[in-house]
């Protein structure tokens, strides 16, 4: 065999895996560069292009055409237990809005779970098979070390996260509420009302969203609260809010206000105040965050931070369809506002 034919054979056998290894990126990132997608940073694109030249990789035209084929479907991947769709009114609203907005664009929504290893394996096979044009990732859980993020990163399908769960970096683009602004707005309201001993109930405190709203709140209220007066609930639910409120009351003497980092947690806190014979807001003020449907069902109705969940879901669909059509993907922070009701 001649040297020339040996070289040709070597180049023909170069795969995307070889290029990814050479560039130090995932196979999905190489595919995105090859397909001309815009959700790759300039530095990463340059690294991949340099690796392509070094390895002599030449993309197969028919394979590229197949990879860019439209399916007319978008997957909603839930990293949390599927029961969250029924327990959390925000999740239900997101699902409703995304389904309707995609239908208007003649797209179908496919729901998939990424909670368990078998779920993630099924998802990886589904994405590898090219069955969807994009993925919306929805989870309040902390996924920085989760295999789910790796699965989503490794494929050439665009992904947008609803919320901001990543603590150390942003491996995927996101659309999220302005948690810092929400924390400041509620803190100032508590200060204006004269509350002096303020406890906090949060959940998933490692995630950026939860951490940002609580840190911002604590920074603004100053010595009216303390870090040790923060109780972490097991999850964003009414039952978890009840348990956390009991812990908080036992931990802090003369507690006169509570900031709960979700409406469901706040609803649980009100339940415990009632069972202890405390009036809300007379003996203790309680406020939430989200302005979900739960905020108007408590007695009294919740003072809370409104993040327009429907607008966030619509913005996610607009962004997703833009990226599918070759547009640039960017992370976006949505504005919030204080809603004052009877609880604080």
C-alpha atoms as a PDB file:
ATOM      1  CA  UNK A   1       0.000   0.000   0.000  1.00  0.00           C
ATOM      2  CA  UNK A   2       1.397   3.400  -0.893  1.00  0.00           C
ATOM      3  CA  UNK A   3       1.928   6.169   1.659  1.00  0.00           C
ATOM      4  CA  UNK A   4      -0.768   8.226  -0.094  1.00  0.00           C
ATOM      5  CA  UNK A   5      -3.391   5.470   0.141  1.00  0.00           C
ATOM      6  CA  UNK A   6      -2.464   4.839   3.799  1.00  0.00           C
ATOM      7  CA  UNK A   7      -3.032   8.517   4.583  1.00  0.00           C
ATOM      8  CA  UNK A   8      -6.363   8.466   2.760  1.00  0.00           C
ATOM      9  CA  UNK A   9      -7.462   5.436   4.722  1.00  0.00           C
ATOM     10  CA  UNK A  10      -6.427   7.076   7.985  1.00  0.00           C
ATOM     11  CA  UNK A  11      -8.358  10.273   7.207  1.00  0.00           C
ATOM     12  CA  UNK A  12     -11.422   8.343   6.117  1.00  0.00           C
ATOM     13  CA  UNK A  13     -11.457   6.546   9.430  1.00  0.00           C
ATOM     14  CA  UNK A  14     -11.255   9.744  11.489  1.00  0.00           C
ATOM     15  CA  UNK A  15     -14.471  10.087  13.461  1.00  0.00           C
ATOM     16  CA  UNK A  16     -16.255  12.794  15.398  1.00  0.00           C
ATOM     17  CA  UNK A  17     -15.052  11.016  18.551  1.00  0.00           C
ATOM     18  CA  UNK A  18     -11.445  11.564  17.390  1.00  0.00           C
ATOM     19  CA  UNK A  19     -12.081  15.253  16.779  1.00  0.00           C
ATOM     20  CA  UNK A  20     -13.849  15.660  20.141  1.00  0.00           C
ATOM     21  CA  UNK A  21     -10.945  14.002  21.952  1.00  0.00           C
ATOM     22  CA  UNK A  22      -8.433  16.203  20.118  1.00  0.00           C
ATOM     23  CA  UNK A  23     -10.364  19.396  20.930  1.00  0.00           C
ATOM     24  CA  UNK A  24     -11.224  18.382  24.500  1.00  0.00           C
ATOM     25  CA  UNK A  25     -14.971  18.793  23.954  1.00  0.00           C
ATOM     26  CA  UNK A  26     -18.025  16.541  23.616  1.00  0.00           C
ATOM     27  CA  UNK A  27     -19.186  14.875  20.413  1.00  0.00           C
ATOM     28  CA  UNK A  28     -22.296  17.074  20.529  1.00  0.00           C
ATOM     29  CA  UNK A  29     -20.152  20.214  20.477  1.00  0.00           C
ATOM     30  CA  UNK A  30     -18.282  18.970  17.389  1.00  0.00           C
ATOM     31  CA  UNK A  31     -21.622  18.231  15.708  1.00  0.00           C
ATOM     32  CA  UNK A  32     -22.883  21.709  16.505  1.00  0.00           C
ATOM     33  CA  UNK A  33     -19.816  23.293  14.907  1.00  0.00           C
ATOM     34  CA  UNK A  34     -20.112  21.056  11.851  1.00  0.00           C
ATOM     35  CA  UNK A  35     -23.787  21.919  11.445  1.00  0.00           C
ATOM     36  CA  UNK A  36     -23.138  25.645  11.695  1.00  0.00           C
ATOM     37  CA  UNK A  37     -25.158  26.098  14.871  1.00  0.00           C
ATOM     38  CA  UNK A  38     -24.740  29.272  16.930  1.00  0.00           C
ATOM     39  CA  UNK A  39     -24.888  27.920  20.475  1.00  0.00           C
ATOM     40  CA  UNK A  40     -21.117  27.383  20.678  1.00  0.00           C
ATOM     41  CA  UNK A  41     -18.717  29.985  22.096  1.00  0.00           C
ATOM     42  CA  UNK A  42     -16.098  31.520  19.787  1.00  0.00           C
ATOM     43  CA  UNK A  43     -13.221  29.945  21.708  1.00  0.00           C
ATOM     44  CA  UNK A  44     -14.801  26.488  21.578  1.00  0.00           C
ATOM     45  CA  UNK A  45     -15.579  26.852  17.872  1.00  0.00           C
ATOM     46  CA  UNK A  46     -11.953  27.784  17.192  1.00  0.00           C
ATOM     47  CA  UNK A  47     -10.707  24.782  19.203  1.00  0.00           C
ATOM     48  CA  UNK A  48     -12.964  22.425  17.246  1.00  0.00           C
ATOM     49  CA  UNK A  49     -11.990  23.911  13.897  1.00  0.00           C
ATOM     50  CA  UNK A  50      -8.317  23.547  14.792  1.00  0.00           C
ATOM     51  CA  UNK A  51      -8.921  19.906  15.794  1.00  0.00           C
ATOM     52  CA  UNK A  52     -10.734  19.306  12.507  1.00  0.00           C
ATOM     53  CA  UNK A  53      -7.688  20.522  10.617  1.00  0.00           C
ATOM     54  CA  UNK A  54      -5.228  18.524  12.730  1.00  0.00           C
ATOM     55  CA  UNK A  55      -7.161  15.292  12.361  1.00  0.00           C
ATOM     56  CA  UNK A  56      -8.049  15.846   8.723  1.00  0.00           C
ATOM     57  CA  UNK A  57     -11.712  15.073   9.452  1.00  0.00           C
ATOM     58  CA  UNK A  58     -14.104  15.613   6.553  1.00  0.00           C
ATOM     59  CA  UNK A  59     -17.813  15.495   7.422  1.00  0.00           C
ATOM     60  CA  UNK A  60     -19.946  13.174   5.368  1.00  0.00           C
ATOM     61  CA  UNK A  61     -22.435  15.359   3.517  1.00  0.00           C
ATOM     62  CA  UNK A  62     -25.333  12.919   3.782  1.00  0.00           C
ATOM     63  CA  UNK A  63     -24.714  12.440   7.515  1.00  0.00           C
ATOM     64  CA  UNK A  64     -24.773  16.191   8.034  1.00  0.00           C
ATOM     65  CA  UNK A  65     -27.982  16.469   6.078  1.00  0.00           C
ATOM     66  CA  UNK A  66     -29.546  13.761   8.231  1.00  0.00           C
ATOM     67  CA  UNK A  67     -28.355  15.480  11.418  1.00  0.00           C
ATOM     68  CA  UNK A  68     -30.014  18.746  10.364  1.00  0.00           C
ATOM     69  CA  UNK A  69     -33.351  17.143   9.458  1.00  0.00           C
ATOM     70  CA  UNK A  70     -36.348  18.736  11.161  1.00  0.00           C
ATOM     71  CA  UNK A  71     -38.663  16.557  13.218  1.00  0.00           C
ATOM     72  CA  UNK A  72     -41.270  19.148  14.218  1.00  0.00           C
ATOM     73  CA  UNK A  73     -40.930  18.094  17.868  1.00  0.00           C
ATOM     74  CA  UNK A  74     -39.377  19.524  21.041  1.00  0.00           C
ATOM     75  CA  UNK A  75     -38.736  17.510  24.209  1.00  0.00           C
ATOM     76  CA  UNK A  76     -39.531  18.792  27.699  1.00  0.00           C
ATOM     77  CA  UNK A  77     -37.085  16.992  29.988  1.00  0.00           C
ATOM     78  CA  UNK A  78     -37.903  16.999  33.689  1.00  0.00           C
ATOM     79  CA  UNK A  79     -34.990  16.315  36.011  1.00  0.00           C
ATOM     80  CA  UNK A  80     -37.209  16.113  39.094  1.00  0.00           C
ATOM     81  CA  UNK A  81     -39.802  13.436  39.887  1.00  0.00           C
ATOM     82  CA  UNK A  82     -42.750  13.519  37.473  1.00  0.00           C
ATOM     83  CA  UNK A  83     -45.111  14.132  40.408  1.00  0.00           C
ATOM     84  CA  UNK A  84     -43.759  17.712  40.502  1.00  0.00           C
ATOM     85  CA  UNK A  85     -45.850  18.460  37.424  1.00  0.00           C
ATOM     86  CA  UNK A  86     -48.969  17.901  39.519  1.00  0.00           C
ATOM     87  CA  UNK A  87     -47.738  19.157  42.901  1.00  0.00           C
ATOM     88  CA  UNK A  88     -46.139  22.426  41.798  1.00  0.00           C
ATOM     89  CA  UNK A  89     -48.542  24.825  40.045  1.00  0.00           C
ATOM     90  CA  UNK A  90     -45.634  26.546  38.298  1.00  0.00           C
ATOM     91  CA  UNK A  91     -44.596  23.328  36.596  1.00  0.00           C
ATOM     92  CA  UNK A  92     -48.151  22.704  35.449  1.00  0.00           C
ATOM     93  CA  UNK A  93     -48.400  26.234  34.026  1.00  0.00           C
ATOM     94  CA  UNK A  94     -45.056  25.909  32.222  1.00  0.00           C
ATOM     95  CA  UNK A  95     -46.201  22.665  30.608  1.00  0.00           C
ATOM     96  CA  UNK A  96     -49.506  24.223  29.545  1.00  0.00           C
ATOM     97  CA  UNK A  97     -47.950  27.354  28.020  1.00  0.00           C
ATOM     98  CA  UNK A  98     -45.105  25.566  26.229  1.00  0.00           C
ATOM     99  CA  UNK A  99     -47.518  23.042  24.723  1.00  0.00           C
ATOM    100  CA  UNK A 100     -49.816  25.802  23.435  1.00  0.00           C
ATOM    101  CA  UNK A 101     -47.005  27.999  22.088  1.00  0.00           C
ATOM    102  CA  UNK A 102     -45.352  25.123  20.264  1.00  0.00           C
ATOM    103  CA  UNK A 103     -48.697  24.042  18.808  1.00  0.00           C
ATOM    104  CA  UNK A 104     -49.136  27.548  17.377  1.00  0.00           C
ATOM    105  CA  UNK A 105     -45.799  27.035  15.585  1.00  0.00           C
ATOM    106  CA  UNK A 106     -46.919  23.590  14.381  1.00  0.00           C
ATOM    107  CA  UNK A 107     -44.539  21.813  16.777  1.00  0.00           C
ATOM    108  CA  UNK A 108     -45.333  18.908  19.083  1.00  0.00           C
ATOM    109  CA  UNK A 109     -44.106  18.579  22.674  1.00  0.00           C
ATOM    110  CA  UNK A 110     -42.711  15.277  23.902  1.00  0.00           C
ATOM    111  CA  UNK A 111     -42.426  14.853  27.669  1.00  0.00           C
ATOM    112  CA  UNK A 112     -39.467  12.874  29.002  1.00  0.00           C
ATOM    113  CA  UNK A 113     -38.028  12.240  32.453  1.00  0.00           C
ATOM    114  CA  UNK A 114     -34.330  12.421  33.254  1.00  0.00           C
ATOM    115  CA  UNK A 115     -34.582  11.567  36.934  1.00  0.00           C
ATOM    116  CA  UNK A 116     -33.206   8.012  37.042  1.00  0.00           C
ATOM    117  CA  UNK A 117     -30.237   6.327  35.287  1.00  0.00           C
ATOM    118  CA  UNK A 118     -32.627   4.328  33.101  1.00  0.00           C
ATOM    119  CA  UNK A 119     -34.473   7.552  32.215  1.00  0.00           C
ATOM    120  CA  UNK A 120     -31.203   9.200  31.209  1.00  0.00           C
ATOM    121  CA  UNK A 121     -30.165   6.201  29.137  1.00  0.00           C
ATOM    122  CA  UNK A 122     -33.485   6.298  27.311  1.00  0.00           C
ATOM    123  CA  UNK A 123     -33.091  10.042  26.776  1.00  0.00           C
ATOM    124  CA  UNK A 124     -29.567   9.626  25.373  1.00  0.00           C
ATOM    125  CA  UNK A 125     -30.790   7.050  22.864  1.00  0.00           C
ATOM    126  CA  UNK A 126     -33.717   9.292  21.931  1.00  0.00           C
ATOM    127  CA  UNK A 127     -31.485  12.316  21.304  1.00  0.00           C
ATOM    128  CA  UNK A 128     -28.920  10.263  19.423  1.00  0.00           C
ATOM    129  CA  UNK A 129     -31.718   9.023  17.179  1.00  0.00           C
ATOM    130  CA  UNK A 130     -32.518  12.607  16.156  1.00  0.00           C
ATOM    131  CA  UNK A 131     -36.144  12.443  17.263  1.00  0.00           C
ATOM    132  CA  UNK A 132     -36.438  16.095  18.392  1.00  0.00           C
ATOM    133  CA  UNK A 133     -35.224  19.492  17.193  1.00  0.00           C
ATOM    134  CA  UNK A 134     -34.653  20.906  20.683  1.00  0.00           C
ATOM    135  CA  UNK A 135     -34.874  20.281  24.424  1.00  0.00           C
ATOM    136  CA  UNK A 136     -36.364  22.363  27.233  1.00  0.00           C
ATOM    137  CA  UNK A 137     -34.836  21.278  30.542  1.00  0.00           C
ATOM    138  CA  UNK A 138     -36.958  21.892  33.643  1.00  0.00           C
ATOM    139  CA  UNK A 139     -35.742  21.049  37.124  1.00  0.00           C
ATOM    140  CA  UNK A 140     -35.423  22.642  40.545  1.00  0.00           C
ATOM    141  CA  UNK A 141     -32.920  19.970  41.552  1.00  0.00           C
ATOM    142  CA  UNK A 142     -29.189  20.564  41.784  1.00  0.00           C
ATOM    143  CA  UNK A 143     -27.741  18.996  38.636  1.00  0.00           C
ATOM    144  CA  UNK A 144     -24.096  20.164  38.520  1.00  0.00           C
ATOM    145  CA  UNK A 145     -22.777  16.597  38.802  1.00  0.00           C
ATOM    146  CA  UNK A 146     -25.790  14.882  37.302  1.00  0.00           C
ATOM    147  CA  UNK A 147     -25.381  12.605  34.320  1.00  0.00           C
ATOM    148  CA  UNK A 148     -28.392  14.359  32.834  1.00  0.00           C
ATOM    149  CA  UNK A 149     -26.400  17.507  32.065  1.00  0.00           C
ATOM    150  CA  UNK A 150     -23.690  15.420  30.416  1.00  0.00           C
ATOM    151  CA  UNK A 151     -26.303  13.677  28.290  1.00  0.00           C
ATOM    152  CA  UNK A 152     -27.795  16.988  27.181  1.00  0.00           C
ATOM    153  CA  UNK A 153     -24.382  18.512  26.408  1.00  0.00           C
ATOM    154  CA  UNK A 154     -23.176  15.586  24.323  1.00  0.00           C
ATOM    155  CA  UNK A 155     -25.761  15.884  21.578  1.00  0.00           C
ATOM    156  CA  UNK A 156     -26.117  18.459  18.833  1.00  0.00           C
ATOM    157  CA  UNK A 157     -29.674  19.321  19.869  1.00  0.00           C
ATOM    158  CA  UNK A 158     -30.158  22.853  21.281  1.00  0.00           C
ATOM    159  CA  UNK A 159     -31.055  22.925  24.989  1.00  0.00           C
ATOM    160  CA  UNK A 160     -32.592  25.747  27.040  1.00  0.00           C
ATOM    161  CA  UNK A 161     -33.019  25.510  30.811  1.00  0.00           C
ATOM    162  CA  UNK A 162     -35.991  27.080  32.573  1.00  0.00           C
ATOM    163  CA  UNK A 163     -34.584  28.389  35.830  1.00  0.00           C
ATOM    164  CA  UNK A 164     -30.983  28.786  36.956  1.00  0.00           C
ATOM    165  CA  UNK A 165     -29.915  25.648  38.824  1.00  0.00           C
ATOM    166  CA  UNK A 166     -26.168  25.593  38.126  1.00  0.00           C
ATOM    167  CA  UNK A 167     -23.976  26.754  41.040  1.00  0.00           C
ATOM    168  CA  UNK A 168     -20.507  27.080  39.532  1.00  0.00           C
ATOM    169  CA  UNK A 169     -20.959  27.667  35.803  1.00  0.00           C
ATOM    170  CA  UNK A 170     -23.584  27.804  33.092  1.00  0.00           C
ATOM    171  CA  UNK A 171     -23.059  24.695  30.950  1.00  0.00           C
ATOM    172  CA  UNK A 172     -26.410  25.300  29.251  1.00  0.00           C
ATOM    173  CA  UNK A 173     -28.254  28.522  28.335  1.00  0.00           C
ATOM    174  CA  UNK A 174     -31.132  29.430  30.655  1.00  0.00           C
ATOM    175  CA  UNK A 175     -34.146  31.694  31.081  1.00  0.00           C
ATOM    176  CA  UNK A 176     -34.824  32.532  34.719  1.00  0.00           C
ATOM    177  CA  UNK A 177     -36.449  35.046  37.055  1.00  0.00           C
ATOM    178  CA  UNK A 178     -34.366  37.843  38.575  1.00  0.00           C
ATOM    179  CA  UNK A 179     -33.975  36.159  41.956  1.00  0.00           C
ATOM    180  CA  UNK A 180     -31.638  38.819  43.349  1.00  0.00           C
ATOM    181  CA  UNK A 181     -34.112  41.601  42.614  1.00  0.00           C
ATOM    182  CA  UNK A 182     -36.910  39.559  44.178  1.00  0.00           C
ATOM    183  CA  UNK A 183     -34.918  39.052  47.364  1.00  0.00           C
ATOM    184  CA  UNK A 184     -34.203  42.778  47.625  1.00  0.00           C
ATOM    185  CA  UNK A 185     -37.824  43.782  47.013  1.00  0.00           C
ATOM    186  CA  UNK A 186     -39.167  41.482  49.704  1.00  0.00           C
ATOM    187  CA  UNK A 187     -36.412  42.438  52.160  1.00  0.00           C
ATOM    188  CA  UNK A 188     -37.259  46.116  51.796  1.00  0.00           C
ATOM    189  CA  UNK A 189     -40.936  45.344  52.352  1.00  0.00           C
ATOM    190  CA  UNK A 190     -40.084  43.525  55.598  1.00  0.00           C
ATOM    191  CA  UNK A 191     -37.929  46.458  56.702  1.00  0.00           C
ATOM    192  CA  UNK A 192     -40.717  48.937  55.904  1.00  0.00           C
ATOM    193  CA  UNK A 193     -43.144  46.859  57.979  1.00  0.00           C
ATOM    194  CA  UNK A 194     -40.743  46.938  60.927  1.00  0.00           C
ATOM    195  CA  UNK A 195     -40.044  43.209  61.331  1.00  0.00           C
ATOM    196  CA  UNK A 196     -36.994  42.616  63.509  1.00  0.00           C
ATOM    197  CA  UNK A 197     -36.473  38.858  63.852  1.00  0.00           C
ATOM    198  CA  UNK A 198     -36.815  37.290  60.433  1.00  0.00           C
ATOM    199  CA  UNK A 199     -36.381  33.613  59.622  1.00  0.00           C
ATOM    200  CA  UNK A 200     -35.899  32.083  56.176  1.00  0.00           C
ATOM    201  CA  UNK A 201     -37.107  28.802  54.672  1.00  0.00           C
ATOM    202  CA  UNK A 202     -35.451  27.667  51.436  1.00  0.00           C
ATOM    203  CA  UNK A 203     -34.808  24.503  49.458  1.00  0.00           C
ATOM    204  CA  UNK A 204     -32.058  23.286  47.105  1.00  0.00           C
ATOM    205  CA  UNK A 205     -29.771  25.947  48.553  1.00  0.00           C
ATOM    206  CA  UNK A 206     -26.903  24.826  46.324  1.00  0.00           C
ATOM    207  CA  UNK A 207     -28.685  26.018  43.191  1.00  0.00           C
ATOM    208  CA  UNK A 208     -28.076  29.533  41.911  1.00  0.00           C
ATOM    209  CA  UNK A 209     -31.769  30.490  41.896  1.00  0.00           C
ATOM    210  CA  UNK A 210     -32.452  29.598  45.538  1.00  0.00           C
ATOM    211  CA  UNK A 211     -29.112  30.875  46.730  1.00  0.00           C
ATOM    212  CA  UNK A 212     -29.466  34.200  44.906  1.00  0.00           C
ATOM    213  CA  UNK A 213     -32.915  35.055  46.257  1.00  0.00           C
ATOM    214  CA  UNK A 214     -31.947  34.138  49.838  1.00  0.00           C
ATOM    215  CA  UNK A 215     -28.497  35.773  49.805  1.00  0.00           C
ATOM    216  CA  UNK A 216     -29.956  38.953  48.352  1.00  0.00           C
ATOM    217  CA  UNK A 217     -32.682  38.973  51.008  1.00  0.00           C
ATOM    218  CA  UNK A 218     -30.247  38.413  53.877  1.00  0.00           C
ATOM    219  CA  UNK A 219     -27.791  41.034  52.628  1.00  0.00           C
ATOM    220  CA  UNK A 220     -30.559  43.620  52.489  1.00  0.00           C
ATOM    221  CA  UNK A 221     -32.253  42.947  55.847  1.00  0.00           C
ATOM    222  CA  UNK A 222     -28.901  43.017  57.651  1.00  0.00           C
ATOM    223  CA  UNK A 223     -28.970  42.216  61.372  1.00  0.00           C
ATOM    224  CA  UNK A 224     -32.719  41.605  61.314  1.00  0.00           C
ATOM    225  CA  UNK A 225     -31.845  38.030  60.321  1.00  0.00           C
ATOM    226  CA  UNK A 226     -28.910  35.619  60.587  1.00  0.00           C
ATOM    227  CA  UNK A 227     -27.473  32.811  58.492  1.00  0.00           C
ATOM    228  CA  UNK A 228     -28.292  30.325  61.238  1.00  0.00           C
ATOM    229  CA  UNK A 229     -31.950  31.350  60.927  1.00  0.00           C
ATOM    230  CA  UNK A 230     -32.104  29.789  57.462  1.00  0.00           C
ATOM    231  CA  UNK A 231     -33.761  26.350  57.404  1.00  0.00           C
ATOM    232  CA  UNK A 232     -33.412  24.168  54.304  1.00  0.00           C
ATOM    233  CA  UNK A 233     -36.546  22.230  53.388  1.00  0.00           C
ATOM    234  CA  UNK A 234     -36.202  18.885  51.649  1.00  0.00           C
ATOM    235  CA  UNK A 235     -38.074  20.100  48.577  1.00  0.00           C
ATOM    236  CA  UNK A 236     -40.389  22.853  47.353  1.00  0.00           C
ATOM    237  CA  UNK A 237     -43.637  21.483  48.795  1.00  0.00           C
ATOM    238  CA  UNK A 238     -46.253  22.305  51.429  1.00  0.00           C
ATOM    239  CA  UNK A 239     -45.286  19.327  53.594  1.00  0.00           C
ATOM    240  CA  UNK A 240     -41.607  20.297  53.485  1.00  0.00           C
ATOM    241  CA  UNK A 241     -42.613  23.862  54.370  1.00  0.00           C
ATOM    242  CA  UNK A 242     -44.457  22.597  57.441  1.00  0.00           C
ATOM    243  CA  UNK A 243     -41.439  20.618  58.644  1.00  0.00           C
ATOM    244  CA  UNK A 244     -39.079  23.544  58.057  1.00  0.00           C
ATOM    245  CA  UNK A 245     -41.390  25.977  59.868  1.00  0.00           C
ATOM    246  CA  UNK A 246     -41.482  23.747  62.949  1.00  0.00           C
ATOM    247  CA  UNK A 247     -37.682  23.665  62.940  1.00  0.00           C
ATOM    248  CA  UNK A 248     -37.492  27.425  62.508  1.00  0.00           C
ATOM    249  CA  UNK A 249     -39.881  28.172  65.398  1.00  0.00           C
ATOM    250  CA  UNK A 250     -37.855  25.888  67.658  1.00  0.00           C
ATOM    251  CA  UNK A 251     -34.606  27.542  66.566  1.00  0.00           C
ATOM    252  CA  UNK A 252     -35.509  31.243  66.794  1.00  0.00           C
ATOM    253  CA  UNK A 253     -37.095  32.925  69.833  1.00  0.00           C
ATOM    254  CA  UNK A 254     -39.640  35.702  69.251  1.00  0.00           C
ATOM    255  CA  UNK A 255     -39.742  35.120  65.501  1.00  0.00           C
ATOM    256  CA  UNK A 256     -41.895  37.848  63.938  1.00  0.00           C
ATOM    257  CA  UNK A 257     -41.517  37.198  60.178  1.00  0.00           C
ATOM    258  CA  UNK A 258     -40.603  34.427  57.731  1.00  0.00           C
ATOM    259  CA  UNK A 259     -39.448  34.634  54.146  1.00  0.00           C
ATOM    260  CA  UNK A 260     -40.184  31.331  52.386  1.00  0.00           C
ATOM    261  CA  UNK A 261     -38.394  30.926  49.061  1.00  0.00           C
ATOM    262  CA  UNK A 262     -41.503  29.527  47.333  1.00  0.00           C
ATOM    263  CA  UNK A 263     -45.254  29.881  47.749  1.00  0.00           C
ATOM    264  CA  UNK A 264     -45.633  26.186  48.548  1.00  0.00           C
ATOM    265  CA  UNK A 265     -43.113  26.487  51.398  1.00  0.00           C
ATOM    266  CA  UNK A 266     -44.921  29.603  52.625  1.00  0.00           C
ATOM    267  CA  UNK A 267     -48.274  27.784  52.552  1.00  0.00           C
ATOM    268  CA  UNK A 268     -46.786  25.077  54.771  1.00  0.00           C
ATOM    269  CA  UNK A 269     -45.416  27.726  57.124  1.00  0.00           C
ATOM    270  CA  UNK A 270     -48.865  29.305  57.479  1.00  0.00           C
ATOM    271  CA  UNK A 271     -50.339  25.895  58.335  1.00  0.00           C
ATOM    272  CA  UNK A 272     -47.870  25.506  61.204  1.00  0.00           C
ATOM    273  CA  UNK A 273     -48.490  29.045  62.437  1.00  0.00           C
ATOM    274  CA  UNK A 274     -52.190  28.239  62.580  1.00  0.00           C
ATOM    275  CA  UNK A 275     -51.626  24.953  64.431  1.00  0.00           C
ATOM    276  CA  UNK A 276     -49.514  26.841  67.005  1.00  0.00           C
ATOM    277  CA  UNK A 277     -52.263  29.425  67.538  1.00  0.00           C
ATOM    278  CA  UNK A 278     -50.269  32.237  65.889  1.00  0.00           C
ATOM    279  CA  UNK A 279     -52.118  34.796  63.797  1.00  0.00           C
ATOM    280  CA  UNK A 280     -50.774  35.781  60.386  1.00  0.00           C
ATOM    281  CA  UNK A 281     -49.601  38.517  60.082  1.00  0.00           C
ATOM    282  CA  UNK A 282     -50.478  39.715  63.622  1.00  0.00           C
ATOM    283  CA  UNK A 283     -48.096  37.399  65.494  1.00  0.00           C
ATOM    284  CA  UNK A 284     -45.901  36.393  62.589  1.00  0.00           C
ATOM    285  CA  UNK A 285     -45.714  37.623  58.989  1.00  0.00           C
ATOM    286  CA  UNK A 286     -45.070  35.102  56.213  1.00  0.00           C
ATOM    287  CA  UNK A 287     -44.194  35.826  52.583  1.00  0.00           C
ATOM    288  CA  UNK A 288     -43.455  33.590  49.615  1.00  0.00           C
ATOM    289  CA  UNK A 289     -41.877  33.716  46.167  1.00  0.00           C
ATOM    290  CA  UNK A 290     -43.407  32.835  42.740  1.00  0.00           C
ATOM    291  CA  UNK A 291     -46.964  34.228  42.911  1.00  0.00           C
ATOM    292  CA  UNK A 292     -48.251  30.833  41.897  1.00  0.00           C
ATOM    293  CA  UNK A 293     -51.893  29.820  42.195  1.00  0.00           C
ATOM    294  CA  UNK A 294     -51.099  28.661  45.752  1.00  0.00           C
ATOM    295  CA  UNK A 295     -50.543  32.290  46.790  1.00  0.00           C
ATOM    296  CA  UNK A 296     -54.236  33.143  46.573  1.00  0.00           C
ATOM    297  CA  UNK A 297     -55.468  29.959  48.265  1.00  0.00           C
ATOM    298  CA  UNK A 298     -53.800  30.513  51.631  1.00  0.00           C
ATOM    299  CA  UNK A 299     -55.576  32.268  54.505  1.00  0.00           C
ATOM    300  CA  UNK A 300     -54.633  35.077  54.470  1.00  0.00           C
ATOM    301  CA  UNK A 301     -53.462  35.326  50.841  1.00  0.00           C
ATOM    302  CA  UNK A 302     -49.699  35.477  50.418  1.00  0.00           C
ATOM    303  CA  UNK A 303     -47.510  38.488  50.004  1.00  0.00           C
ATOM    304  CA  UNK A 304     -45.020  37.203  47.442  1.00  0.00           C
ATOM    305  CA  UNK A 305     -42.674  37.960  44.571  1.00  0.00           C
ATOM    306  CA  UNK A 306     -44.318  37.578  41.206  1.00  0.00           C
ATOM    307  CA  UNK A 307     -42.210  35.998  38.513  1.00  0.00           C
ATOM    308  CA  UNK A 308     -44.238  35.770  35.352  1.00  0.00           C
ATOM    309  CA  UNK A 309     -44.029  32.020  34.769  1.00  0.00           C
ATOM    310  CA  UNK A 310     -46.198  32.167  31.659  1.00  0.00           C
ATOM    311  CA  UNK A 311     -43.990  34.880  30.126  1.00  0.00           C
ATOM    312  CA  UNK A 312     -40.893  32.841  30.975  1.00  0.00           C
ATOM    313  CA  UNK A 313     -42.361  29.774  29.263  1.00  0.00           C
ATOM    314  CA  UNK A 314     -43.302  31.823  26.195  1.00  0.00           C
ATOM    315  CA  UNK A 315     -39.810  33.369  26.042  1.00  0.00           C
ATOM    316  CA  UNK A 316     -38.340  29.879  26.206  1.00  0.00           C
ATOM    317  CA  UNK A 317     -40.345  28.745  23.181  1.00  0.00           C
ATOM    318  CA  UNK A 318     -39.436  31.885  21.216  1.00  0.00           C
ATOM    319  CA  UNK A 319     -35.768  31.318  22.019  1.00  0.00           C
ATOM    320  CA  UNK A 320     -35.957  27.627  21.157  1.00  0.00           C
ATOM    321  CA  UNK A 321     -37.609  28.178  17.784  1.00  0.00           C
ATOM    322  CA  UNK A 322     -35.083  30.902  16.983  1.00  0.00           C
ATOM    323  CA  UNK A 323     -32.154  28.587  17.716  1.00  0.00           C
ATOM    324  CA  UNK A 324     -33.695  25.744  15.717  1.00  0.00           C
ATOM    325  CA  UNK A 325     -33.862  28.148  12.776  1.00  0.00           C
ATOM    326  CA  UNK A 326     -30.196  29.119  13.134  1.00  0.00           C
ATOM    327  CA  UNK A 327     -30.485  32.036  15.552  1.00  0.00           C
ATOM    328  CA  UNK A 328     -28.168  32.757  18.467  1.00  0.00           C
ATOM    329  CA  UNK A 329     -28.919  31.318  21.888  1.00  0.00           C
ATOM    330  CA  UNK A 330     -28.518  33.588  24.916  1.00  0.00           C
ATOM    331  CA  UNK A 331     -29.354  33.336  28.588  1.00  0.00           C
ATOM    332  CA  UNK A 332     -32.039  35.747  29.752  1.00  0.00           C
ATOM    333  CA  UNK A 333     -33.154  37.077  33.146  1.00  0.00           C
ATOM    334  CA  UNK A 334     -36.836  37.980  33.498  1.00  0.00           C
ATOM    335  CA  UNK A 335     -38.073  40.865  35.726  1.00  0.00           C
ATOM    336  CA  UNK A 336     -40.049  40.301  38.936  1.00  0.00           C
ATOM    337  CA  UNK A 337     -42.334  42.428  41.134  1.00  0.00           C
ATOM    338  CA  UNK A 338     -43.553  42.554  44.726  1.00  0.00           C
ATOM    339  CA  UNK A 339     -47.203  41.587  45.278  1.00  0.00           C
ATOM    340  CA  UNK A 340     -48.520  42.692  48.677  1.00  0.00           C
ATOM    341  CA  UNK A 341     -51.435  40.736  50.140  1.00  0.00           C
ATOM    342  CA  UNK A 342     -52.597  39.950  53.644  1.00  0.00           C
ATOM    343  CA  UNK A 343     -49.874  37.636  54.997  1.00  0.00           C
ATOM    344  CA  UNK A 344     -47.118  40.226  55.456  1.00  0.00           C
END
